[in-house]
Amino acid sequence: MQASTLKPLHIRQVVIDPPLILAPMAGVTHIALRQLIAGFGGCGLYVSEMLSSRRVLHEKPATSFFINFLPNERPFFYQLMGNDPESMAGAICHLENVWEETGQGPDGFDINMGCSAPVIRRQGCGSALMRDPAVARKVVAVCRKVTERPLTVKIRLGWKEDFEETVRFSLMLAEEGIDAVTLHPRLVREKLKRRARWQYVGMLKKELSIPVIGNGDIASFRDVYTRLEESECDGVMIGRAAAAMPWIFQKTIEPERSFTVHLDETYLLFVGLLKEHFPAERRLGRLKEFTHYFARNFRFGHYLASVVQTAETVDEAVSRAMDYFAKHSSEISIAV
């Protein structure tokens, strides 16, 4: 296992080094979590949480915690969800224009064609687009016309066990100008209890001339190396494990170095970041969501998650978490 095996990933003019990507997760990969991860280091590409192309049109960096990001989150991509080509293209133009005055702006955009949540599918978005290649093609074609920045897409295996169809869909996206494909190797209706089938990531890599990124069931830094070796893909996207272990990126790039993480301090740091970047009424839900993942660091973490889940205020949630940490002090400091 050598960190030197992590080769930089090139997507158009953007260099992703190391090729470790934060997965877009609605309600999870917001600015507070991204800042927590940035504090540990090691992430090669930060991606926003999934954003509605229609809602984005009304957001501005000065006031929006949805689209705001900081200089230490570089490179940075927005992930957009929608099925209307003009709305999607309009969102890209808006997100480029609102940053013009600062000279910043995103480094690229990702199109969500993999979200399997029923509420998203019913809107004809996310993985529903894999059932409608004509609309998916149009979305990509119109988006490609309005930006020179990297344009990527995240997909699943599809709706049925037909890998040839997955390949055809991916080739079509590449023909319309997509610069890289991220594959979450589960079918649309498959739950997380079924293991992600990474062999399909490797198979897709052999079929495409553009970069292929794999995503799914990365539970430790060791998994990153295993999946890269097995699939020969160009990069690895990390989702749930990044919320549970914000230090996973840093550990992956320095696998031989041990360092200590103080879980109580990390939790309080996250709370502080929520207070810094979100209005009061938007903090509690995000703290509960984070705690759901972070609690996995404890043997009886389900209890921590449950007591925070029933809290009615952030202060109450933090107080309950601190009580839990005090009772489980032997687990607070972990060597990773």
Protein backbone atom coordinates (compact mmCIF):
# COMPACT_ATOMS: atom_id res chain seq x y z
CA MET A 1 0.00 0.00 0.00
CA GLN A 2 1.69 3.17 -1.19
CA ALA A 3 0.32 6.70 -1.36
CA SER A 4 2.40 7.10 -4.52
CA THR A 5 -0.15 4.89 -6.30
CA LEU A 6 -2.63 7.77 -6.09
CA LYS A 7 -2.11 9.32 -9.51
CA PRO A 8 -3.58 12.78 -10.22
CA LEU A 9 -6.87 12.84 -12.10
CA HIS A 10 -7.18 15.32 -14.96
CA ILE A 11 -10.64 16.54 -15.98
CA ARG A 12 -10.19 19.12 -18.69
CA GLN A 13 -8.03 21.86 -17.19
CA VAL A 14 -8.66 20.79 -13.60
CA VAL A 15 -6.13 18.61 -11.81
CA ILE A 16 -7.55 16.53 -8.96
CA ASP A 17 -4.63 15.49 -6.80
CA PRO A 18 -5.11 13.22 -4.96
CA PRO A 19 -7.91 11.56 -6.98
CA LEU A 20 -10.17 11.47 -3.92
CA ILE A 21 -13.54 13.11 -4.31
CA LEU A 22 -16.15 14.08 -1.77
CA ALA A 23 -19.49 12.64 -2.86
CA PRO A 24 -22.42 15.04 -3.17
CA MET A 25 -25.01 14.18 -0.50
CA ALA A 26 -28.12 16.29 0.02
CA GLY A 27 -28.16 17.80 3.49
CA VAL A 28 -24.71 16.40 4.28
CA THR A 29 -21.90 17.77 2.09
CA HIS A 30 -22.70 21.38 2.85
CA ILE A 31 -20.12 24.02 3.72
CA ALA A 32 -19.83 23.01 7.38
CA LEU A 33 -18.85 19.42 6.60
CA ARG A 34 -16.60 20.51 3.75
CA GLN A 35 -14.79 22.88 6.10
CA LEU A 36 -14.41 20.12 8.66
CA ILE A 37 -12.87 17.88 6.00
CA ALA A 38 -10.66 20.69 4.74
CA GLY A 39 -9.32 21.13 8.25
CA PHE A 40 -8.02 17.57 8.19
CA GLY A 41 -6.88 17.81 4.56
CA GLY A 42 -6.39 15.26 1.81
CA CYS A 43 -9.53 15.78 -0.26
CA GLY A 44 -8.78 16.21 -3.96
CA LEU A 45 -12.17 17.54 -5.09
CA TYR A 46 -14.97 19.08 -3.06
CA VAL A 47 -18.51 18.77 -4.39
CA SER A 48 -21.57 20.62 -3.17
CA GLU A 49 -24.63 18.85 -1.91
CA MET A 50 -27.18 18.11 -4.63
CA LEU A 51 -28.75 21.42 -5.72
CA SER A 52 -31.99 21.97 -7.61
CA SER A 53 -31.30 23.81 -10.86
CA ARG A 54 -34.49 25.83 -10.44
CA ARG A 55 -33.78 26.93 -6.86
CA VAL A 56 -30.17 27.84 -7.61
CA LEU A 57 -31.34 30.67 -9.86
CA HIS A 58 -32.40 32.59 -6.74
CA GLU A 59 -29.22 32.02 -4.71
CA LYS A 60 -26.29 34.41 -4.20
CA PRO A 61 -22.98 33.71 -2.44
CA ALA A 62 -23.37 36.58 0.02
CA THR A 63 -26.59 35.14 1.44
CA SER A 64 -26.77 31.50 0.43
CA PHE A 65 -25.33 28.68 2.52
CA PHE A 66 -26.33 26.36 -0.34
CA ILE A 67 -23.90 27.75 -2.90
CA ASN A 68 -21.24 29.43 -0.79
CA PHE A 69 -17.80 27.83 -0.60
CA LEU A 70 -14.39 28.95 0.65
CA PRO A 71 -10.92 29.16 -0.93
CA ASN A 72 -9.65 26.09 0.93
CA GLU A 73 -12.28 23.99 -0.87
CA ARG A 74 -10.43 23.68 -4.15
CA PRO A 75 -11.07 22.34 -6.68
CA PHE A 76 -14.82 22.76 -6.17
CA PHE A 77 -17.72 21.48 -8.29
CA TYR A 78 -21.41 22.16 -7.95
CA GLN A 79 -23.73 19.21 -8.43
CA LEU A 80 -26.99 20.10 -10.14
CA MET A 81 -30.25 18.19 -10.28
CA GLY A 82 -32.90 18.78 -12.95
CA ASN A 83 -34.41 17.49 -16.17
CA ASP A 84 -35.11 20.73 -18.01
CA PRO A 85 -32.16 21.57 -20.29
CA GLU A 86 -32.73 25.32 -20.21
CA SER A 87 -33.09 25.38 -16.43
CA MET A 88 -29.91 23.36 -16.00
CA ALA A 89 -27.97 25.57 -18.39
CA GLY A 90 -29.39 28.65 -16.70
CA ALA A 91 -28.22 27.38 -13.33
CA ILE A 92 -24.69 26.90 -14.66
CA CYS A 93 -24.62 30.40 -16.12
CA HIS A 94 -25.98 31.84 -12.88
CA LEU A 95 -23.40 30.05 -10.75
CA GLU A 96 -20.61 31.29 -12.98
CA ASN A 97 -21.90 34.86 -13.10
CA VAL A 98 -22.59 35.37 -9.39
CA TRP A 99 -18.93 34.74 -8.60
CA GLU A 100 -17.55 37.06 -11.32
CA GLU A 101 -17.01 40.01 -8.99
CA THR A 102 -14.89 37.94 -6.62
CA GLY A 103 -12.81 36.35 -9.34
CA GLN A 104 -13.48 32.94 -7.84
CA GLY A 105 -16.21 30.79 -9.30
CA PRO A 106 -16.55 27.01 -9.31
CA ASP A 107 -14.04 24.76 -11.02
CA GLY A 108 -16.69 22.59 -12.66
CA PHE A 109 -20.18 21.11 -12.59
CA ASP A 110 -21.62 17.65 -12.02
CA ILE A 111 -25.02 16.55 -13.31
CA ASN A 112 -26.99 14.21 -11.08
CA MET A 113 -28.37 11.25 -13.01
CA GLY A 114 -28.00 8.77 -10.19
CA CYS A 115 -30.14 9.87 -7.24
CA SER A 116 -32.62 7.09 -6.53
CA ALA A 117 -34.79 8.87 -3.96
CA PRO A 118 -38.45 8.38 -4.99
CA VAL A 119 -39.26 12.09 -4.58
CA ILE A 120 -36.49 12.95 -7.06
CA ARG A 121 -37.42 10.20 -9.52
CA ARG A 122 -41.06 11.30 -9.55
CA GLN A 123 -39.89 14.69 -10.79
CA GLY A 124 -38.16 12.98 -13.70
CA CYS A 125 -34.76 13.87 -12.26
CA GLY A 126 -31.80 11.94 -10.89
CA SER A 127 -31.83 8.29 -11.93
CA ALA A 128 -35.10 8.83 -13.83
CA LEU A 129 -32.97 10.38 -16.58
CA MET A 130 -31.36 6.99 -17.20
CA ARG A 131 -34.80 5.85 -18.37
CA ASP A 132 -35.03 8.76 -20.79
CA PRO A 133 -31.78 8.97 -22.76
CA ALA A 134 -33.19 11.56 -25.14
CA VAL A 135 -33.80 14.03 -22.33
CA ALA A 136 -30.46 13.17 -20.71
CA ARG A 137 -28.71 13.83 -24.03
CA LYS A 138 -30.42 17.18 -24.42
CA VAL A 139 -29.54 18.23 -20.86
CA VAL A 140 -25.87 17.50 -21.43
CA ALA A 141 -25.78 19.06 -24.90
CA VAL A 142 -27.30 22.35 -23.72
CA CYS A 143 -25.13 22.50 -20.59
CA ARG A 144 -22.03 21.83 -22.65
CA LYS A 145 -22.77 24.83 -24.84
CA VAL A 146 -22.82 27.31 -21.96
CA THR A 147 -19.61 26.44 -20.10
CA GLU A 148 -15.98 25.66 -20.80
CA ARG A 149 -15.53 24.34 -17.29
CA PRO A 150 -15.42 20.58 -16.67
CA LEU A 151 -18.80 18.89 -16.92
CA THR A 152 -19.20 15.51 -15.25
CA VAL A 153 -22.11 13.19 -14.50
CA LYS A 154 -22.94 10.74 -11.72
CA ILE A 155 -24.95 7.66 -12.67
CA ARG A 156 -26.00 4.24 -11.39
CA LEU A 157 -25.97 0.92 -13.21
CA GLY A 158 -29.46 1.69 -14.43
CA TRP A 159 -32.92 0.27 -13.88
CA LYS A 160 -32.21 -3.32 -14.81
CA GLU A 161 -29.33 -5.75 -15.04
CA ASP A 162 -28.13 -4.73 -18.49
CA PHE A 163 -24.57 -3.47 -18.50
CA GLU A 164 -24.57 -2.95 -22.25
CA GLU A 165 -27.30 -0.37 -21.74
CA THR A 166 -25.17 1.33 -19.07
CA VAL A 167 -22.29 1.49 -21.52
CA ARG A 168 -24.47 2.89 -24.31
CA PHE A 169 -25.82 5.55 -21.96
CA SER A 170 -22.30 6.50 -20.83
CA LEU A 171 -20.97 6.64 -24.40
CA MET A 172 -23.86 8.89 -25.36
CA LEU A 173 -22.98 11.26 -22.50
CA ALA A 174 -19.36 11.32 -23.63
CA GLU A 175 -20.41 12.08 -27.20
CA GLU A 176 -22.34 15.12 -25.98
CA GLY A 177 -19.34 16.50 -24.11
CA ILE A 178 -19.27 14.98 -20.64
CA ASP A 179 -15.67 15.01 -19.36
CA ALA A 180 -15.91 12.22 -16.75
CA VAL A 181 -18.43 9.70 -15.41
CA THR A 182 -18.87 8.63 -11.81
CA LEU A 183 -20.50 5.23 -11.46
CA HIS A 184 -22.27 4.12 -8.31
CA PRO A 185 -22.50 0.41 -9.15
CA ARG A 186 -25.96 -0.40 -7.87
CA LEU A 187 -29.24 -0.57 -9.73
CA VAL A 188 -31.68 2.27 -9.11
CA ARG A 189 -33.96 0.27 -6.80
CA GLU A 190 -31.16 -1.51 -4.95
CA LYS A 191 -30.74 -0.50 -1.33
CA LEU A 192 -27.44 0.13 0.38
CA LYS A 193 -27.62 -3.29 2.07
CA ARG A 194 -26.56 -4.84 -1.22
CA ARG A 195 -22.85 -4.41 -1.81
CA ALA A 196 -21.76 -2.06 -4.57
CA ARG A 197 -20.49 -4.16 -7.48
CA TRP A 198 -17.19 -2.52 -8.24
CA GLN A 199 -16.40 -4.94 -11.06
CA TYR A 200 -18.73 -2.81 -13.18
CA VAL A 201 -16.60 0.26 -12.49
CA GLY A 202 -13.63 -1.55 -14.00
CA MET A 203 -15.71 -2.76 -16.93
CA LEU A 204 -16.95 0.74 -17.67
CA LYS A 205 -13.41 2.09 -17.46
CA LYS A 206 -12.44 -0.25 -20.31
CA GLU A 207 -15.28 1.05 -22.48
CA LEU A 208 -14.77 4.80 -22.11
CA SER A 209 -11.97 7.10 -23.20
CA ILE A 210 -12.88 9.70 -20.56
CA PRO A 211 -12.08 9.31 -16.84
CA VAL A 212 -14.24 6.95 -14.79
CA ILE A 213 -14.67 7.48 -11.06
CA GLY A 214 -16.00 4.78 -8.73
CA ASN A 215 -18.31 5.34 -5.78
CA GLY A 216 -19.89 3.11 -3.16
CA ASP A 217 -19.08 1.20 0.04
CA ILE A 218 -15.78 2.92 0.80
CA ALA A 219 -15.51 2.31 4.55
CA SER A 220 -11.79 2.89 5.14
CA PHE A 221 -8.66 4.22 3.48
CA ARG A 222 -7.72 0.62 2.66
CA ASP A 223 -10.85 0.30 0.54
CA VAL A 224 -9.64 3.15 -1.64
CA TYR A 225 -6.46 1.32 -2.60
CA THR A 226 -8.29 -1.98 -3.07
CA ARG A 227 -10.88 -0.46 -5.39
CA LEU A 228 -8.33 1.50 -7.41
CA GLU A 229 -6.25 -1.62 -7.91
CA GLU A 230 -9.19 -3.87 -8.76
CA SER A 231 -11.02 -1.52 -11.11
CA GLU A 232 -8.14 0.56 -12.48
CA CYS A 233 -10.53 3.51 -12.35
CA ASP A 234 -9.27 7.09 -12.33
CA GLY A 235 -10.58 8.22 -8.96
CA VAL A 236 -12.61 7.25 -5.92
CA MET A 237 -15.59 9.16 -4.57
CA ILE A 238 -16.28 8.90 -0.82
CA GLY A 239 -19.68 9.64 0.68
CA ARG A 240 -21.00 8.24 3.97
CA ALA A 241 -17.52 7.47 5.29
CA ALA A 242 -16.52 11.11 4.81
CA ALA A 243 -19.34 12.21 7.11
CA ALA A 244 -18.45 9.53 9.67
CA MET A 245 -14.69 10.06 9.41
CA PRO A 246 -13.86 13.52 8.02
CA TRP A 247 -10.20 12.56 8.34
CA ILE A 248 -10.46 9.65 5.87
CA PHE A 249 -8.99 11.66 2.99
CA GLN A 250 -5.92 12.66 4.98
CA LYS A 251 -5.44 9.11 6.22
CA THR A 252 -5.65 7.83 2.66
CA ILE A 253 -2.85 10.06 1.39
CA GLU A 254 -0.69 9.27 4.42
CA PRO A 255 -1.58 5.66 5.25
CA GLU A 256 1.60 4.98 7.20
CA ARG A 257 1.23 8.00 9.51
CA SER A 258 -0.78 7.60 12.69
CA PHE A 259 -2.50 10.55 14.31
CA THR A 260 -5.03 10.98 17.07
CA VAL A 261 -8.55 12.27 16.56
CA HIS A 262 -10.48 13.59 19.54
CA LEU A 263 -14.09 12.85 18.69
CA ASP A 264 -15.62 15.28 21.18
CA GLU A 265 -13.48 18.15 19.89
CA THR A 266 -14.29 17.25 16.29
CA TYR A 267 -18.01 17.22 17.07
CA LEU A 268 -17.84 20.62 18.75
CA LEU A 269 -15.83 21.98 15.84
CA PHE A 270 -18.60 20.89 13.50
CA VAL A 271 -21.19 22.57 15.71
CA GLY A 272 -19.14 25.75 15.57
CA LEU A 273 -18.99 25.57 11.78
CA LEU A 274 -22.77 25.18 11.64
CA LYS A 275 -23.17 28.28 13.77
CA GLU A 276 -20.72 30.19 11.61
CA HIS A 277 -22.26 29.37 8.25
CA PHE A 278 -25.97 28.65 8.83
CA PRO A 279 -28.87 30.68 10.22
CA ALA A 280 -30.18 29.35 13.54
CA GLU A 281 -33.23 27.64 12.05
CA ARG A 282 -31.08 25.61 9.64
CA ARG A 283 -28.61 24.11 12.11
CA LEU A 284 -30.45 21.41 14.05
CA GLY A 285 -31.44 19.25 11.09
CA ARG A 286 -27.91 19.27 9.76
CA LEU A 287 -26.47 18.43 13.16
CA LYS A 288 -28.81 15.45 13.44
CA GLU A 289 -27.85 14.26 9.97
CA PHE A 290 -24.14 14.55 10.74
CA THR A 291 -24.54 12.78 14.09
CA HIS A 292 -26.23 9.85 12.34
CA TYR A 293 -22.95 9.17 10.53
CA PHE A 294 -20.46 10.39 13.13
CA ALA A 295 -21.96 8.10 15.80
CA ARG A 296 -20.54 5.11 13.92
CA ASN A 297 -17.19 5.82 15.59
CA PHE A 298 -18.63 4.49 18.88
CA ARG A 299 -19.54 0.94 19.83
CA PHE A 300 -22.95 2.06 21.01
CA GLY A 301 -23.21 5.02 18.69
CA HIS A 302 -26.83 4.27 17.85
CA TYR A 303 -27.68 5.64 21.30
CA LEU A 304 -25.81 8.87 20.61
CA ALA A 305 -27.66 9.24 17.31
CA SER A 306 -31.03 8.58 18.95
CA VAL A 307 -30.66 11.07 21.81
CA VAL A 308 -29.54 13.80 19.41
CA GLN A 309 -32.33 12.91 17.00
CA THR A 310 -35.02 13.70 19.59
CA ALA A 311 -33.45 16.99 20.71
CA GLU A 312 -35.52 20.10 20.00
CA THR A 313 -32.69 22.64 19.93
CA VAL A 314 -29.02 22.69 18.99
CA ASP A 315 -28.05 23.44 22.58
CA GLU A 316 -30.03 20.46 23.79
CA ALA A 317 -28.49 18.23 21.13
CA VAL A 318 -24.97 19.34 22.07
CA SER A 319 -25.66 18.86 25.79
CA ARG A 320 -26.87 15.33 25.17
CA ALA A 321 -23.87 14.58 22.97
CA MET A 322 -21.49 15.88 25.64
CA ASP A 323 -23.18 13.70 28.25
CA TYR A 324 -22.70 10.71 25.97
CA PHE A 325 -19.04 11.55 25.39
CA ALA A 326 -18.47 11.88 29.16
CA LYS A 327 -19.95 8.43 29.75
CA HIS A 328 -17.85 6.91 26.96
CA SER A 329 -14.60 8.79 27.58
CA SER A 330 -12.49 5.72 26.78
CA GLU A 331 -13.64 5.95 23.17
CA ILE A 332 -13.20 9.69 22.72
CA SER A 333 -9.60 9.67 21.49
CA ILE A 334 -8.88 7.31 18.62
CA ALA A 335 -5.64 6.59 16.78
CA VAL A 336 -6.13 6.44 13.03
